Amino acid sequence: MPIHPLWLVLILVIVLIIFGPGRLPELGGAVGKAMREFRKATNDLTNEVTNATKPEPQTPAESTAKGSSSEAKPSSN
C-alpha cells in the first residue's frame, strides 16, 4: 500500500514542529545511519544463512582421501 503524498507532508510538518528546523539535519543523519546499520546487519545475516546452507565444494585431494578410506579392506583369513 503506497503512502499518500498528503500523509507524508503531514508527517514532515509534525516532525518540523516537534524538533524544530535546527535539529532536522542531525535527525536526518541519525535516521540515515540507523538505516545503513540495519541494511548491513540484514545483509550479514542473509550471507551467513546462505553460506550455512550451501554445501562445501570438495577438492580433488579430499575426494580421493574419502574414497580410499571408505573402501572395504580385505580380511586375512
PDB file of N, CA and C in Angstrom:
ATOM      1  N   MET A   1       0.851  -1.175   0.000  1.00  0.00           N
ATOM      2  CA  MET A   1       0.000   0.000   0.000  1.00  0.00           C
ATOM      3  C   MET A   1       0.896   1.238   0.000  1.00  0.00           C
ATOM      4  N   PRO A   2       0.853   2.036  -1.028  1.00  0.00           N
ATOM      5  CA  PRO A   2       1.699   3.230  -1.097  1.00  0.00           C
ATOM      6  C   PRO A   2       1.210   4.316  -0.136  1.00  0.00           C
ATOM      7  N   ILE A   3       2.144   5.122   0.321  1.00  0.00           N
ATOM      8  CA  ILE A   3       1.807   6.221   1.231  1.00  0.00           C
ATOM      9  C   ILE A   3       1.353   7.410   0.396  1.00  0.00           C
ATOM     10  N   HIS A   4       0.244   7.960   0.759  1.00  0.00           N
ATOM     11  CA  HIS A   4      -0.292   9.115   0.050  1.00  0.00           C
ATOM     12  C   HIS A   4       0.607  10.324   0.314  1.00  0.00           C
ATOM     13  N   PRO A   5       0.886  11.135  -0.697  1.00  0.00           N
ATOM     14  CA  PRO A   5       1.777  12.292  -0.512  1.00  0.00           C
ATOM     15  C   PRO A   5       1.296  13.266   0.564  1.00  0.00           C
ATOM     16  N   LEU A   6      -0.009  13.378   0.749  1.00  0.00           N
ATOM     17  CA  LEU A   6      -0.538  14.284   1.779  1.00  0.00           C
ATOM     18  C   LEU A   6      -0.134  13.814   3.177  1.00  0.00           C
ATOM     19  N   TRP A   7      -0.151  12.494   3.407  1.00  0.00           N
ATOM     20  CA  TRP A   7       0.274  11.949   4.700  1.00  0.00           C
ATOM     21  C   TRP A   7       1.755  12.230   4.944  1.00  0.00           C
ATOM     22  N   LEU A   8       2.548  12.102   3.895  1.00  0.00           N
ATOM     23  CA  LEU A   8       3.982  12.353   4.006  1.00  0.00           C
ATOM     24  C   LEU A   8       4.246  13.810   4.393  1.00  0.00           C
ATOM     25  N   VAL A   9       3.546  14.727   3.763  1.00  0.00           N
ATOM     26  CA  VAL A   9       3.700  16.154   4.087  1.00  0.00           C
ATOM     27  C   VAL A   9       3.248  16.410   5.520  1.00  0.00           C
ATOM     28  N   LEU A  10       2.160  15.812   5.931  1.00  0.00           N
ATOM     29  CA  LEU A  10       1.654  15.990   7.296  1.00  0.00           C
ATOM     30  C   LEU A  10       2.660  15.482   8.324  1.00  0.00           C
ATOM     31  N   ILE A  11       3.261  14.337   8.074  1.00  0.00           N
ATOM     32  CA  ILE A  11       4.271  13.791   8.985  1.00  0.00           C
ATOM     33  C   ILE A  11       5.485  14.706   9.050  1.00  0.00           C
ATOM     34  N   LEU A  12       5.936  15.221   7.909  1.00  0.00           N
ATOM     35  CA  LEU A  12       7.085  16.136   7.895  1.00  0.00           C
ATOM     36  C   LEU A  12       6.792  17.425   8.659  1.00  0.00           C
ATOM     37  N   VAL A  13       5.581  17.963   8.542  1.00  0.00           N
ATOM     38  CA  VAL A  13       5.210  19.180   9.272  1.00  0.00           C
ATOM     39  C   VAL A  13       5.207  18.911  10.770  1.00  0.00           C
ATOM     40  N   ILE A  14       4.685  17.769  11.188  1.00  0.00           N
ATOM     41  CA  ILE A  14       4.655  17.431  12.620  1.00  0.00           C
ATOM     42  C   ILE A  14       6.072  17.271  13.161  1.00  0.00           C
ATOM     43  N   VAL A  15       6.950  16.609  12.406  1.00  0.00           N
ATOM     44  CA  VAL A  15       8.344  16.454  12.825  1.00  0.00           C
ATOM     45  C   VAL A  15       9.026  17.812  12.924  1.00  0.00           C
ATOM     46  N   LEU A  16       8.744  18.702  11.980  1.00  0.00           N
ATOM     47  CA  LEU A  16       9.324  20.044  11.999  1.00  0.00           C
ATOM     48  C   LEU A  16       8.856  20.823  13.219  1.00  0.00           C
ATOM     49  N   ILE A  17       7.600  20.674  13.589  1.00  0.00           N
ATOM     50  CA  ILE A  17       7.073  21.372  14.767  1.00  0.00           C
ATOM     51  C   ILE A  17       7.697  20.817  16.040  1.00  0.00           C
ATOM     52  N   ILE A  18       7.840  19.496  16.134  1.00  0.00           N
ATOM     53  CA  ILE A  18       8.358  18.871  17.353  1.00  0.00           C
ATOM     54  C   ILE A  18       9.852  19.148  17.535  1.00  0.00           C
ATOM     55  N   PHE A  19      10.641  18.941  16.495  1.00  0.00           N
ATOM     56  CA  PHE A  19      12.094  19.030  16.636  1.00  0.00           C
ATOM     57  C   PHE A  19      12.664  20.389  16.251  1.00  0.00           C
ATOM     58  N   GLY A  20      11.975  21.162  15.459  1.00  0.00           N
ATOM     59  CA  GLY A  20      12.477  22.461  15.039  1.00  0.00           C
ATOM     60  C   GLY A  20      13.423  22.340  13.863  1.00  0.00           C
ATOM     61  N   PRO A  21      13.623  23.446  13.134  1.00  0.00           N
ATOM     62  CA  PRO A  21      14.455  23.391  11.926  1.00  0.00           C
ATOM     63  C   PRO A  21      15.940  23.200  12.223  1.00  0.00           C
ATOM     64  N   GLY A  22      16.406  23.529  13.404  1.00  0.00           N
ATOM     65  CA  GLY A  22      17.825  23.395  13.733  1.00  0.00           C
ATOM     66  C   GLY A  22      18.268  21.957  13.924  1.00  0.00           C
ATOM     67  N   ARG A  23      17.371  21.115  14.365  1.00  0.00           N
ATOM     68  CA  ARG A  23      17.740  19.721  14.650  1.00  0.00           C
ATOM     69  C   ARG A  23      17.410  18.766  13.522  1.00  0.00           C
ATOM     70  N   LEU A  24      16.770  19.249  12.468  1.00  0.00           N
ATOM     71  CA  LEU A  24      16.399  18.363  11.366  1.00  0.00           C
ATOM     72  C   LEU A  24      17.607  17.712  10.687  1.00  0.00           C
ATOM     73  N   PRO A  25      18.711  18.437  10.390  1.00  0.00           N
ATOM     74  CA  PRO A  25      19.860  17.749   9.780  1.00  0.00           C
ATOM     75  C   PRO A  25      20.443  16.659  10.683  1.00  0.00           C
ATOM     76  N   GLU A  26      20.497  16.930  11.987  1.00  0.00           N
ATOM     77  CA  GLU A  26      21.001  15.934  12.942  1.00  0.00           C
ATOM     78  C   GLU A  26      20.086  14.717  12.966  1.00  0.00           C
ATOM     79  N   LEU A  27      18.795  14.971  12.964  1.00  0.00           N
ATOM     80  CA  LEU A  27      17.818  13.885  12.979  1.00  0.00           C
ATOM     81  C   LEU A  27      17.893  13.069  11.692  1.00  0.00           C
ATOM     82  N   GLY A  28      18.049  13.738  10.559  1.00  0.00           N
ATOM     83  CA  GLY A  28      18.174  13.042   9.282  1.00  0.00           C
ATOM     84  C   GLY A  28      19.423  12.183   9.233  1.00  0.00           C
ATOM     85  N   GLY A  29      20.526  12.703   9.774  1.00  0.00           N
ATOM     86  CA  GLY A  29      21.761  11.922   9.810  1.00  0.00           C
ATOM     87  C   GLY A  29      21.619  10.686  10.680  1.00  0.00           C
ATOM     88  N   ALA A  30      20.944  10.834  11.815  1.00  0.00           N
ATOM     89  CA  ALA A  30      20.745   9.688  12.708  1.00  0.00           C
ATOM     90  C   ALA A  30      19.868   8.623  12.047  1.00  0.00           C
ATOM     91  N   VAL A  31      18.832   9.059  11.343  1.00  0.00           N
ATOM     92  CA  VAL A  31      17.950   8.107  10.658  1.00  0.00           C
ATOM     93  C   VAL A  31      18.722   7.396   9.536  1.00  0.00           C
ATOM     94  N   GLY A  32      19.537   8.145   8.799  1.00  0.00           N
ATOM     95  CA  GLY A  32      20.332   7.543   7.729  1.00  0.00           C
ATOM     96  C   GLY A  32      21.326   6.532   8.259  1.00  0.00           C
ATOM     97  N   LYS A  33      21.980   6.862   9.362  1.00  0.00           N
ATOM     98  CA  LYS A  33      22.944   5.945   9.970  1.00  0.00           C
ATOM     99  C   LYS A  33      22.250   4.667  10.455  1.00  0.00           C
ATOM    100  N   ALA A  34      21.091   4.829  11.069  1.00  0.00           N
ATOM    101  CA  ALA A  34      20.349   3.662  11.549  1.00  0.00           C
ATOM    102  C   ALA A  34      19.919   2.770  10.387  1.00  0.00           C
ATOM    103  N   MET A  35      19.503   3.384   9.275  1.00  0.00           N
ATOM    104  CA  MET A  35      19.095   2.586   8.113  1.00  0.00           C
ATOM    105  C   MET A  35      20.284   1.838   7.513  1.00  0.00           C
ATOM    106  N   ARG A  36      21.472   2.478   7.453  1.00  0.00           N
ATOM    107  CA  ARG A  36      22.672   1.805   6.936  1.00  0.00           C
ATOM    108  C   ARG A  36      23.050   0.621   7.816  1.00  0.00           C
ATOM    109  N   GLU A  37      23.017   0.816   9.139  1.00  0.00           N
ATOM    110  CA  GLU A  37      23.361  -0.277  10.054  1.00  0.00           C
ATOM    111  C   GLU A  37      22.368  -1.429   9.941  1.00  0.00           C
ATOM    112  N   PHE A  38      21.088  -1.099   9.801  1.00  0.00           N
ATOM    113  CA  PHE A  38      20.069  -2.135   9.659  1.00  0.00           C
ATOM    114  C   PHE A  38      20.278  -2.909   8.367  1.00  0.00           C
ATOM    115  N   ARG A  39      20.554  -2.203   7.271  1.00  0.00           N
ATOM    116  CA  ARG A  39      20.776  -2.854   5.982  1.00  0.00           C
ATOM    117  C   ARG A  39      22.015  -3.745   6.032  1.00  0.00           C
ATOM    118  N   LYS A  40      23.087  -3.271   6.698  1.00  0.00           N
ATOM    119  CA  LYS A  40      24.317  -4.057   6.822  1.00  0.00           C
ATOM    120  C   LYS A  40      24.064  -5.325   7.635  1.00  0.00           C
ATOM    121  N   ALA A  41      23.338  -5.181   8.747  1.00  0.00           N
ATOM    122  CA  ALA A  41      23.037  -6.349   9.580  1.00  0.00           C
ATOM    123  C   ALA A  41      22.172  -7.354   8.820  1.00  0.00           C
ATOM    124  N   THR A  42      21.220  -6.855   8.045  1.00  0.00           N
ATOM    125  CA  THR A  42      20.371  -7.738   7.250  1.00  0.00           C
ATOM    126  C   THR A  42      21.188  -8.476   6.209  1.00  0.00           C
ATOM    127  N   ASN A  43      22.084  -7.766   5.521  1.00  0.00           N
ATOM    128  CA  ASN A  43      22.937  -8.412   4.513  1.00  0.00           C
ATOM    129  C   ASN A  43      23.870  -9.440   5.148  1.00  0.00           C
ATOM    130  N   ASP A  44      24.451  -9.115   6.320  1.00  0.00           N
ATOM    131  CA  ASP A  44      25.333 -10.059   7.000  1.00  0.00           C
ATOM    132  C   ASP A  44      24.575 -11.331   7.387  1.00  0.00           C
ATOM    133  N   LEU A  45      23.378 -11.161   7.911  1.00  0.00           N
ATOM    134  CA  LEU A  45      22.575 -12.321   8.309  1.00  0.00           C
ATOM    135  C   LEU A  45      22.194 -13.163   7.093  1.00  0.00           C
ATOM    136  N   THR A  46      21.830 -12.514   5.996  1.00  0.00           N
ATOM    137  CA  THR A  46      21.492 -13.235   4.771  1.00  0.00           C
ATOM    138  C   THR A  46      22.692 -14.016   4.257  1.00  0.00           C
ATOM    139  N   ASN A  47      23.869 -13.404   4.289  1.00  0.00           N
ATOM    140  CA  ASN A  47      25.083 -14.089   3.837  1.00  0.00           C
ATOM    141  C   ASN A  47      25.416 -15.284   4.724  1.00  0.00           C
ATOM    142  N   GLU A  48      25.245 -15.140   6.039  1.00  0.00           N
ATOM    143  CA  GLU A  48      25.519 -16.254   6.957  1.00  0.00           C
ATOM    144  C   GLU A  48      24.596 -17.431   6.678  1.00  0.00           C
ATOM    145  N   VAL A  49      23.306 -17.142   6.487  1.00  0.00           N
ATOM    146  CA  VAL A  49      22.342 -18.211   6.232  1.00  0.00           C
ATOM    147  C   VAL A  49      22.646 -18.874   4.891  1.00  0.00           C
ATOM    148  N   THR A  50      22.977 -18.076   3.883  1.00  0.00           N
ATOM    149  CA  THR A  50      23.297 -18.627   2.571  1.00  0.00           C
ATOM    150  C   THR A  50      24.537 -19.511   2.637  1.00  0.00           C
ATOM    151  N   ASN A  51      25.572 -19.039   3.334  1.00  0.00           N
ATOM    152  CA  ASN A  51      26.799 -19.821   3.444  1.00  0.00           C
ATOM    153  C   ASN A  51      26.599 -21.082   4.275  1.00  0.00           C
ATOM    154  N   ALA A  52      25.732 -21.023   5.271  1.00  0.00           N
ATOM    155  CA  ALA A  52      25.496 -22.194   6.115  1.00  0.00           C
ATOM    156  C   ALA A  52      24.724 -23.281   5.367  1.00  0.00           C
ATOM    157  N   THR A  53      23.876 -22.883   4.444  1.00  0.00           N
ATOM    158  CA  THR A  53      23.076 -23.874   3.733  1.00  0.00           C
ATOM    159  C   THR A  53      23.744 -24.360   2.458  1.00  0.00           C
ATOM    160  N   LYS A  54      24.800 -23.680   2.015  1.00  0.00           N
ATOM    161  CA  LYS A  54      25.492 -24.072   0.792  1.00  0.00           C
ATOM    162  C   LYS A  54      26.440 -25.231   1.095  1.00  0.00           C
ATOM    163  N   PRO A  55      26.409 -26.301   0.298  1.00  0.00           N
ATOM    164  CA  PRO A  55      27.349 -27.407   0.540  1.00  0.00           C
ATOM    165  C   PRO A  55      28.769 -26.970   0.204  1.00  0.00           C
ATOM    166  N   GLU A  56      29.728 -27.479   0.987  1.00  0.00           N
ATOM    167  CA  GLU A  56      31.128 -27.134   0.769  1.00  0.00           C
ATOM    168  C   GLU A  56      31.659 -27.896  -0.435  1.00  0.00           C
ATOM    169  N   PRO A  57      32.339 -27.214  -1.355  1.00  0.00           N
ATOM    170  CA  PRO A  57      32.917 -27.919  -2.503  1.00  0.00           C
ATOM    171  C   PRO A  57      34.105 -28.762  -2.061  1.00  0.00           C
ATOM    172  N   GLN A  58      34.249 -29.941  -2.688  1.00  0.00           N
ATOM    173  CA  GLN A  58      35.360 -30.824  -2.349  1.00  0.00           C
ATOM    174  C   GLN A  58      36.498 -30.611  -3.325  1.00  0.00           C
ATOM    175  N   THR A  59      37.697 -30.599  -2.796  1.00  0.00           N
ATOM    176  CA  THR A  59      38.870 -30.529  -3.656  1.00  0.00           C
ATOM    177  C   THR A  59      39.200 -31.948  -4.099  1.00  0.00           C
ATOM    178  N   PRO A  60      39.945 -32.126  -5.171  1.00  0.00           N
ATOM    179  CA  PRO A  60      40.284 -33.485  -5.626  1.00  0.00           C
ATOM    180  C   PRO A  60      41.007 -34.304  -4.565  1.00  0.00           C
ATOM    181  N   ALA A  61      41.842 -33.678  -3.755  1.00  0.00           N
ATOM    182  CA  ALA A  61      42.562 -34.418  -2.715  1.00  0.00           C
ATOM    183  C   ALA A  61      41.594 -34.948  -1.666  1.00  0.00           C
ATOM    184  N   GLU A  62      40.575 -34.157  -1.308  1.00  0.00           N
ATOM    185  CA  GLU A  62      39.611 -34.606  -0.319  1.00  0.00           C
ATOM    186  C   GLU A  62      38.775 -35.758  -0.851  1.00  0.00           C
ATOM    187  N   SER A  63      38.388 -35.690  -2.119  1.00  0.00           N
ATOM    188  CA  SER A  63      37.540 -36.743  -2.662  1.00  0.00           C
ATOM    189  C   SER A  63      38.286 -38.070  -2.762  1.00  0.00           C
ATOM    190  N   THR A  64      39.607 -38.059  -3.100  1.00  0.00           N
ATOM    191  CA  THR A  64      40.363 -39.309  -3.160  1.00  0.00           C
ATOM    192  C   THR A  64      40.642 -39.835  -1.766  1.00  0.00           C
ATOM    193  N   ALA A  65      40.877 -38.947  -0.810  1.00  0.00           N
ATOM    194  CA  ALA A  65      41.122 -39.391   0.562  1.00  0.00           C
ATOM    195  C   ALA A  65      39.864 -40.024   1.142  1.00  0.00           C
ATOM    196  N   LYS A  66      38.720 -39.445   0.857  1.00  0.00           N
ATOM    197  CA  LYS A  66      37.475 -40.018   1.357  1.00  0.00           C
ATOM    198  C   LYS A  66      37.168 -41.332   0.655  1.00  0.00           C
ATOM    199  N   GLY A  67      37.494 -41.416  -0.616  1.00  0.00           N
ATOM    200  CA  GLY A  67      37.241 -42.641  -1.374  1.00  0.00           C
ATOM    201  C   GLY A  67      38.092 -43.794  -0.887  1.00  0.00           C
ATOM    202  N   SER A  68      39.350 -43.552  -0.541  1.00  0.00           N
ATOM    203  CA  SER A  68      40.219 -44.633  -0.103  1.00  0.00           C
ATOM    204  C   SER A  68      39.871 -45.089   1.304  1.00  0.00           C
ATOM    205  N   SER A  69      39.367 -44.204   2.145  1.00  0.00           N
ATOM    206  CA  SER A  69      39.030 -44.618   3.496  1.00  0.00           C
ATOM    207  C   SER A  69      37.715 -45.355   3.550  1.00  0.00           C
ATOM    208  N   SER A  70      36.849 -45.131   2.551  1.00  0.00           N
ATOM    209  CA  SER A  70      35.554 -45.800   2.577  1.00  0.00           C
ATOM    210  C   SER A  70      35.594 -47.166   1.899  1.00  0.00           C
ATOM    211  N   GLU A  71      36.692 -47.502   1.232  1.00  0.00           N
ATOM    212  CA  GLU A  71      36.783 -48.798   0.574  1.00  0.00           C
ATOM    213  C   GLU A  71      36.904 -49.892   1.630  1.00  0.00           C
ATOM    214  N   ALA A  72      36.350 -51.047   1.303  1.00  0.00           N
ATOM    215  CA  ALA A  72      36.399 -52.185   2.233  1.00  0.00           C
ATOM    216  C   ALA A  72      37.796 -52.793   2.173  1.00  0.00           C
ATOM    217  N   LYS A  73      38.380 -53.024   3.360  1.00  0.00           N
ATOM    218  CA  LYS A  73      39.707 -53.619   3.427  1.00  0.00           C
ATOM    219  C   LYS A  73      39.548 -55.135   3.397  1.00  0.00           C
ATOM    220  N   PRO A  74      40.395 -55.817   2.632  1.00  0.00           N
ATOM    221  CA  PRO A  74      40.280 -57.283   2.583  1.00  0.00           C
ATOM    222  C   PRO A  74      40.670 -57.887   3.930  1.00  0.00           C
ATOM    223  N   SER A  75      39.923 -58.882   4.297  1.00  0.00           N
ATOM    224  CA  SER A  75      40.213 -59.551   5.569  1.00  0.00           C
ATOM    225  C   SER A  75      41.189 -60.700   5.326  1.00  0.00           C
ATOM    226  N   SER A  76      42.096 -60.916   6.270  1.00  0.00           N
ATOM    227  CA  SER A  76      43.049 -62.013   6.116  1.00  0.00           C
ATOM    228  C   SER A  76      42.561 -63.181   6.939  1.00  0.00           C
ATOM    229  N   ASN A  77      42.051 -64.198   6.254  1.00  0.00           N
ATOM    230  CA  ASN A  77      41.550 -65.416   6.918  1.00  0.00           C
ATOM    231  C   ASN A  77      42.439 -66.561   6.621  1.00  0.00           C
TER     232      ASN A  77
END
